[in-house]
Amino acid sequence: MPRFLLLANVVVPSIQMHLSAMVVVLAPIIFIETILVRQRLGGEWRATGLHVTVANAASTLVGIPVAWLVMLGVTLLAHAGGLRPGTETPLGLLGTAALGVGSSGSGPRGLGIPLALASTIIMLLPSLLASIRVEHRVLLRRMPGVDPERIGAAVRVANVVTYGILAALLRAEVWSTVA
């Protein structure tokens, strides 16, 4: 069996790390998104909060596997294409970060931050896109009388804001790690 196929399990150790972090941040995310969605769509606080909670639960269940599959794909493509993680090139750094999901090790000099942190940062974009798609679909079903375009805009704004906050927190962690 090719060595790169054995990397399919590289994402497994990150399950505990990411689930633990998500438990901590999910309640504030739901709170912030409830405020933002209610501002754009109106409705009662309790109902909006329930809709946003259900949408976030669904996007969490879908978003995590999607992000992990993206990281696995990056890892497999990197190795199938002959990319050698650990090199000082941008693609080498990306490959190293992809392999670092769940790792507590540090990356090469060019990366300068722990691999798990780099991997989490890379996973934000696919997670954001999955969250927007899933939450939009959930809210469309839960709020049938509301204009779908308004729901889409509210979901995009709410997720961009909350993922922006997550990115800022991760950036702060990067600066504290590098400094």
C-alpha atoms as a PDB file:
ATOM      1  CA  MET A   1       0.000   0.000   0.000  1.00  0.00           C
ATOM      2  CA  PRO A   2       1.385   3.437  -0.877  1.00  0.00           C
ATOM      3  CA  ARG A   3       2.677   5.379   2.120  1.00  0.00           C
ATOM      4  CA  PHE A   4       0.441   8.376   1.415  1.00  0.00           C
ATOM      5  CA  LEU A   5      -2.698   6.225   1.795  1.00  0.00           C
ATOM      6  CA  LEU A   6      -1.655   5.461   5.362  1.00  0.00           C
ATOM      7  CA  LEU A   7      -2.043   9.170   6.070  1.00  0.00           C
ATOM      8  CA  ALA A   8      -5.826   8.726   6.056  1.00  0.00           C
ATOM      9  CA  ASN A   9      -5.680   8.449   9.840  1.00  0.00           C
ATOM     10  CA  VAL A  10      -3.659  11.631  10.301  1.00  0.00           C
ATOM     11  CA  VAL A  11      -6.791  13.637  11.135  1.00  0.00           C
ATOM     12  CA  VAL A  12      -8.075  11.235  13.809  1.00  0.00           C
ATOM     13  CA  PRO A  13      -6.005  12.655  16.722  1.00  0.00           C
ATOM     14  CA  SER A  14      -7.461  16.118  16.129  1.00  0.00           C
ATOM     15  CA  ILE A  15     -10.981  14.996  16.971  1.00  0.00           C
ATOM     16  CA  GLN A  16     -10.574  15.473  20.719  1.00  0.00           C
ATOM     17  CA  MET A  17      -8.653  18.730  20.359  1.00  0.00           C
ATOM     18  CA  HIS A  18     -11.207  20.351  18.053  1.00  0.00           C
ATOM     19  CA  LEU A  19     -14.304  19.012  19.801  1.00  0.00           C
ATOM     20  CA  SER A  20     -13.046  20.308  23.153  1.00  0.00           C
ATOM     21  CA  ALA A  21     -12.403  23.741  21.692  1.00  0.00           C
ATOM     22  CA  MET A  22     -15.796  23.778  19.999  1.00  0.00           C
ATOM     23  CA  VAL A  23     -17.625  23.071  23.243  1.00  0.00           C
ATOM     24  CA  VAL A  24     -16.013  26.193  24.689  1.00  0.00           C
ATOM     25  CA  VAL A  25     -16.774  28.502  21.748  1.00  0.00           C
ATOM     26  CA  LEU A  26     -20.150  27.207  20.551  1.00  0.00           C
ATOM     27  CA  ALA A  27     -22.339  29.006  23.130  1.00  0.00           C
ATOM     28  CA  PRO A  28     -20.790  32.457  22.473  1.00  0.00           C
ATOM     29  CA  ILE A  29     -21.011  31.838  18.718  1.00  0.00           C
ATOM     30  CA  ILE A  30     -24.717  30.973  19.000  1.00  0.00           C
ATOM     31  CA  PHE A  31     -25.293  34.076  21.155  1.00  0.00           C
ATOM     32  CA  ILE A  32     -23.537  36.386  18.663  1.00  0.00           C
ATOM     33  CA  GLU A  33     -25.195  34.799  15.635  1.00  0.00           C
ATOM     34  CA  THR A  34     -28.624  35.014  17.294  1.00  0.00           C
ATOM     35  CA  ILE A  35     -28.165  38.768  17.763  1.00  0.00           C
ATOM     36  CA  LEU A  36     -26.976  39.245  14.165  1.00  0.00           C
ATOM     37  CA  VAL A  37     -29.680  37.061  12.599  1.00  0.00           C
ATOM     38  CA  ARG A  38     -32.435  38.702  14.662  1.00  0.00           C
ATOM     39  CA  GLN A  39     -31.186  42.177  13.644  1.00  0.00           C
ATOM     40  CA  ARG A  40     -31.507  41.222   9.984  1.00  0.00           C
ATOM     41  CA  LEU A  41     -34.606  39.039  10.046  1.00  0.00           C
ATOM     42  CA  GLY A  42     -36.581  40.183  13.070  1.00  0.00           C
ATOM     43  CA  GLY A  43     -38.666  37.724  15.032  1.00  0.00           C
ATOM     44  CA  GLU A  44     -38.785  36.787  18.673  1.00  0.00           C
ATOM     45  CA  TRP A  45     -35.542  36.316  20.595  1.00  0.00           C
ATOM     46  CA  ARG A  46     -36.411  32.838  21.830  1.00  0.00           C
ATOM     47  CA  ALA A  47     -37.486  31.539  18.413  1.00  0.00           C
ATOM     48  CA  THR A  48     -34.482  33.086  16.663  1.00  0.00           C
ATOM     49  CA  GLY A  49     -32.153  31.652  19.309  1.00  0.00           C
ATOM     50  CA  LEU A  50     -33.651  28.200  18.840  1.00  0.00           C
ATOM     51  CA  HIS A  51     -33.363  28.406  15.035  1.00  0.00           C
ATOM     52  CA  VAL A  52     -29.737  29.561  15.230  1.00  0.00           C
ATOM     53  CA  THR A  53     -28.912  26.856  17.789  1.00  0.00           C
ATOM     54  CA  VAL A  54     -30.348  24.105  15.583  1.00  0.00           C
ATOM     55  CA  ALA A  55     -28.551  25.549  12.536  1.00  0.00           C
ATOM     56  CA  ASN A  56     -25.229  25.682  14.402  1.00  0.00           C
ATOM     57  CA  ALA A  57     -25.645  22.135  15.706  1.00  0.00           C
ATOM     58  CA  ALA A  58     -26.231  20.938  12.142  1.00  0.00           C
ATOM     59  CA  SER A  59     -23.316  22.933  10.732  1.00  0.00           C
ATOM     60  CA  THR A  60     -21.037  21.646  13.476  1.00  0.00           C
ATOM     61  CA  LEU A  61     -21.936  18.041  12.662  1.00  0.00           C
ATOM     62  CA  VAL A  62     -21.310  18.659   8.950  1.00  0.00           C
ATOM     63  CA  GLY A  63     -18.566  21.304   9.098  1.00  0.00           C
ATOM     64  CA  ILE A  64     -16.053  19.313  11.105  1.00  0.00           C
ATOM     65  CA  PRO A  65     -16.033  16.296   8.789  1.00  0.00           C
ATOM     66  CA  VAL A  66     -15.911  18.573   5.724  1.00  0.00           C
ATOM     67  CA  ALA A  67     -12.890  20.431   7.101  1.00  0.00           C
ATOM     68  CA  TRP A  68     -11.152  17.159   7.967  1.00  0.00           C
ATOM     69  CA  LEU A  69     -11.855  15.783   4.503  1.00  0.00           C
ATOM     70  CA  VAL A  70     -10.347  18.919   2.978  1.00  0.00           C
ATOM     71  CA  MET A  71      -7.231  18.498   5.131  1.00  0.00           C
ATOM     72  CA  LEU A  72      -7.027  14.814   4.235  1.00  0.00           C
ATOM     73  CA  GLY A  73      -7.374  15.731   0.565  1.00  0.00           C
ATOM     74  CA  VAL A  74      -4.589  18.313   0.846  1.00  0.00           C
ATOM     75  CA  THR A  75      -2.393  15.753   2.568  1.00  0.00           C
ATOM     76  CA  LEU A  76      -3.057  12.985   0.052  1.00  0.00           C
ATOM     77  CA  LEU A  77      -2.637  15.306  -2.932  1.00  0.00           C
ATOM     78  CA  ALA A  78       0.567  16.670  -1.468  1.00  0.00           C
ATOM     79  CA  HIS A  79       2.060  13.211  -1.122  1.00  0.00           C
ATOM     80  CA  ALA A  80       0.647  11.845  -4.374  1.00  0.00           C
ATOM     81  CA  GLY A  81       2.165  14.832  -6.168  1.00  0.00           C
ATOM     82  CA  GLY A  82       5.548  14.253  -4.610  1.00  0.00           C
ATOM     83  CA  LEU A  83       5.327  17.201  -2.233  1.00  0.00           C
ATOM     84  CA  ARG A  84       7.649  16.696   0.665  1.00  0.00           C
ATOM     85  CA  PRO A  85       6.372  18.323   3.852  1.00  0.00           C
ATOM     86  CA  GLY A  86       8.958  20.071   5.939  1.00  0.00           C
ATOM     87  CA  THR A  87      10.553  21.914   3.060  1.00  0.00           C
ATOM     88  CA  GLU A  88      10.821  25.670   3.280  1.00  0.00           C
ATOM     89  CA  THR A  89       8.651  26.318   0.210  1.00  0.00           C
ATOM     90  CA  PRO A  90       5.055  27.610   0.566  1.00  0.00           C
ATOM     91  CA  LEU A  91       3.681  24.265  -0.661  1.00  0.00           C
ATOM     92  CA  GLY A  92       5.984  22.405   1.682  1.00  0.00           C
ATOM     93  CA  LEU A  93       4.710  24.486   4.576  1.00  0.00           C
ATOM     94  CA  LEU A  94       1.112  23.797   3.542  1.00  0.00           C
ATOM     95  CA  GLY A  95       1.855  20.084   3.381  1.00  0.00           C
ATOM     96  CA  THR A  96       3.475  20.227   6.807  1.00  0.00           C
ATOM     97  CA  ALA A  97       0.479  22.041   8.254  1.00  0.00           C
ATOM     98  CA  ALA A  98      -1.913  19.555   6.646  1.00  0.00           C
ATOM     99  CA  LEU A  99       0.006  16.720   8.229  1.00  0.00           C
ATOM    100  CA  GLY A 100      -0.013  18.547  11.543  1.00  0.00           C
ATOM    101  CA  VAL A 101      -3.705  18.121  12.340  1.00  0.00           C
ATOM    102  CA  GLY A 102      -3.764  16.923  15.907  1.00  0.00           C
ATOM    103  CA  SER A 103      -0.014  17.183  16.281  1.00  0.00           C
ATOM    104  CA  SER A 104       1.646  18.942  19.169  1.00  0.00           C
ATOM    105  CA  GLY A 105       4.943  19.192  17.321  1.00  0.00           C
ATOM    106  CA  SER A 106       6.352  22.346  15.840  1.00  0.00           C
ATOM    107  CA  GLY A 107       6.689  23.006  12.164  1.00  0.00           C
ATOM    108  CA  PRO A 108       9.774  23.878  10.202  1.00  0.00           C
ATOM    109  CA  ARG A 109      11.443  27.246  10.679  1.00  0.00           C
ATOM    110  CA  GLY A 110       9.333  28.817   7.922  1.00  0.00           C
ATOM    111  CA  LEU A 111       6.096  27.853   9.678  1.00  0.00           C
ATOM    112  CA  GLY A 112       7.116  29.090  13.119  1.00  0.00           C
ATOM    113  CA  ILE A 113       3.955  27.920  14.912  1.00  0.00           C
ATOM    114  CA  PRO A 114       2.731  24.584  16.266  1.00  0.00           C
ATOM    115  CA  LEU A 115       1.373  22.294  13.574  1.00  0.00           C
ATOM    116  CA  ALA A 116      -2.003  21.875  15.273  1.00  0.00           C
ATOM    117  CA  LEU A 117      -2.485  25.648  15.283  1.00  0.00           C
ATOM    118  CA  ALA A 118      -1.502  25.966  11.622  1.00  0.00           C
ATOM    119  CA  SER A 119      -3.877  23.157  10.703  1.00  0.00           C
ATOM    120  CA  THR A 120      -6.735  24.755  12.608  1.00  0.00           C
ATOM    121  CA  ILE A 121      -6.175  28.044  10.793  1.00  0.00           C
ATOM    122  CA  ILE A 122      -6.205  26.277   7.422  1.00  0.00           C
ATOM    123  CA  MET A 123      -9.423  24.451   8.393  1.00  0.00           C
ATOM    124  CA  LEU A 124     -11.289  27.730   9.026  1.00  0.00           C
ATOM    125  CA  LEU A 125     -12.117  28.413   5.377  1.00  0.00           C
ATOM    126  CA  PRO A 126     -13.723  25.060   4.530  1.00  0.00           C
ATOM    127  CA  SER A 127     -15.508  25.141   7.886  1.00  0.00           C
ATOM    128  CA  LEU A 128     -16.844  28.640   7.181  1.00  0.00           C
ATOM    129  CA  LEU A 129     -18.125  27.656   3.751  1.00  0.00           C
ATOM    130  CA  ALA A 130     -19.756  24.482   5.096  1.00  0.00           C
ATOM    131  CA  SER A 131     -21.333  26.422   7.981  1.00  0.00           C
ATOM    132  CA  ILE A 132     -22.846  29.025   5.673  1.00  0.00           C
ATOM    133  CA  ARG A 133     -24.311  26.391   3.381  1.00  0.00           C
ATOM    134  CA  VAL A 134     -25.715  24.160   6.123  1.00  0.00           C
ATOM    135  CA  GLU A 135     -27.054  26.972   8.325  1.00  0.00           C
ATOM    136  CA  HIS A 136     -28.736  28.597   5.338  1.00  0.00           C
ATOM    137  CA  ARG A 137     -30.504  25.351   4.472  1.00  0.00           C
ATOM    138  CA  VAL A 138     -31.581  24.767   8.076  1.00  0.00           C
ATOM    139  CA  LEU A 139     -32.951  28.288   8.491  1.00  0.00           C
ATOM    140  CA  LEU A 140     -34.798  28.052   5.170  1.00  0.00           C
ATOM    141  CA  ARG A 141     -36.670  25.043   6.552  1.00  0.00           C
ATOM    142  CA  ARG A 142     -37.218  26.530   9.986  1.00  0.00           C
ATOM    143  CA  MET A 143     -38.288  29.990   8.774  1.00  0.00           C
ATOM    144  CA  PRO A 144     -40.488  29.315   5.712  1.00  0.00           C
ATOM    145  CA  GLY A 145     -42.158  32.753   5.698  1.00  0.00           C
ATOM    146  CA  VAL A 146     -38.888  34.687   5.450  1.00  0.00           C
ATOM    147  CA  ASP A 147     -37.324  35.710   2.137  1.00  0.00           C
ATOM    148  CA  PRO A 148     -34.577  33.177   1.283  1.00  0.00           C
ATOM    149  CA  GLU A 149     -32.220  35.934   0.120  1.00  0.00           C
ATOM    150  CA  ARG A 150     -32.560  37.723   3.457  1.00  0.00           C
ATOM    151  CA  ILE A 151     -31.868  34.461   5.273  1.00  0.00           C
ATOM    152  CA  GLY A 152     -28.797  33.881   3.114  1.00  0.00           C
ATOM    153  CA  ALA A 153     -27.476  37.374   3.795  1.00  0.00           C
ATOM    154  CA  ALA A 154     -28.090  37.038   7.539  1.00  0.00           C
ATOM    155  CA  VAL A 155     -26.326  33.678   7.669  1.00  0.00           C
ATOM    156  CA  ARG A 156     -23.342  34.982   5.693  1.00  0.00           C
ATOM    157  CA  VAL A 157     -22.940  38.049   7.910  1.00  0.00           C
ATOM    158  CA  ALA A 158     -23.343  36.068  11.138  1.00  0.00           C
ATOM    159  CA  ASN A 159     -20.809  33.443  10.088  1.00  0.00           C
ATOM    160  CA  VAL A 160     -18.273  35.878   8.684  1.00  0.00           C
ATOM    161  CA  VAL A 161     -18.407  37.819  11.971  1.00  0.00           C
ATOM    162  CA  THR A 162     -18.062  34.753  14.206  1.00  0.00           C
ATOM    163  CA  TYR A 163     -15.379  33.123  12.053  1.00  0.00           C
ATOM    164  CA  GLY A 164     -13.620  36.485  11.967  1.00  0.00           C
ATOM    165  CA  ILE A 165     -13.589  36.469  15.752  1.00  0.00           C
ATOM    166  CA  LEU A 166     -12.203  32.917  15.724  1.00  0.00           C
ATOM    167  CA  ALA A 167      -9.538  33.937  13.207  1.00  0.00           C
ATOM    168  CA  ALA A 168      -8.582  36.931  15.382  1.00  0.00           C
ATOM    169  CA  LEU A 169      -8.270  34.668  18.421  1.00  0.00           C
ATOM    170  CA  LEU A 170      -6.122  32.240  16.454  1.00  0.00           C
ATOM    171  CA  ARG A 171      -4.010  35.122  15.171  1.00  0.00           C
ATOM    172  CA  ALA A 172      -3.477  36.257  18.751  1.00  0.00           C
ATOM    173  CA  GLU A 173      -2.424  32.705  19.618  1.00  0.00           C
ATOM    174  CA  VAL A 174       0.007  32.703  16.692  1.00  0.00           C
ATOM    175  CA  TRP A 175       1.541  36.000  17.821  1.00  0.00           C
ATOM    176  CA  SER A 176       1.883  34.764  21.391  1.00  0.00           C
ATOM    177  CA  THR A 177       3.455  31.514  20.148  1.00  0.00           C
ATOM    178  CA  VAL A 178       5.910  33.193  17.780  1.00  0.00           C
ATOM    179  CA  ALA A 179       6.846  36.006  20.170  1.00  0.00           C
END
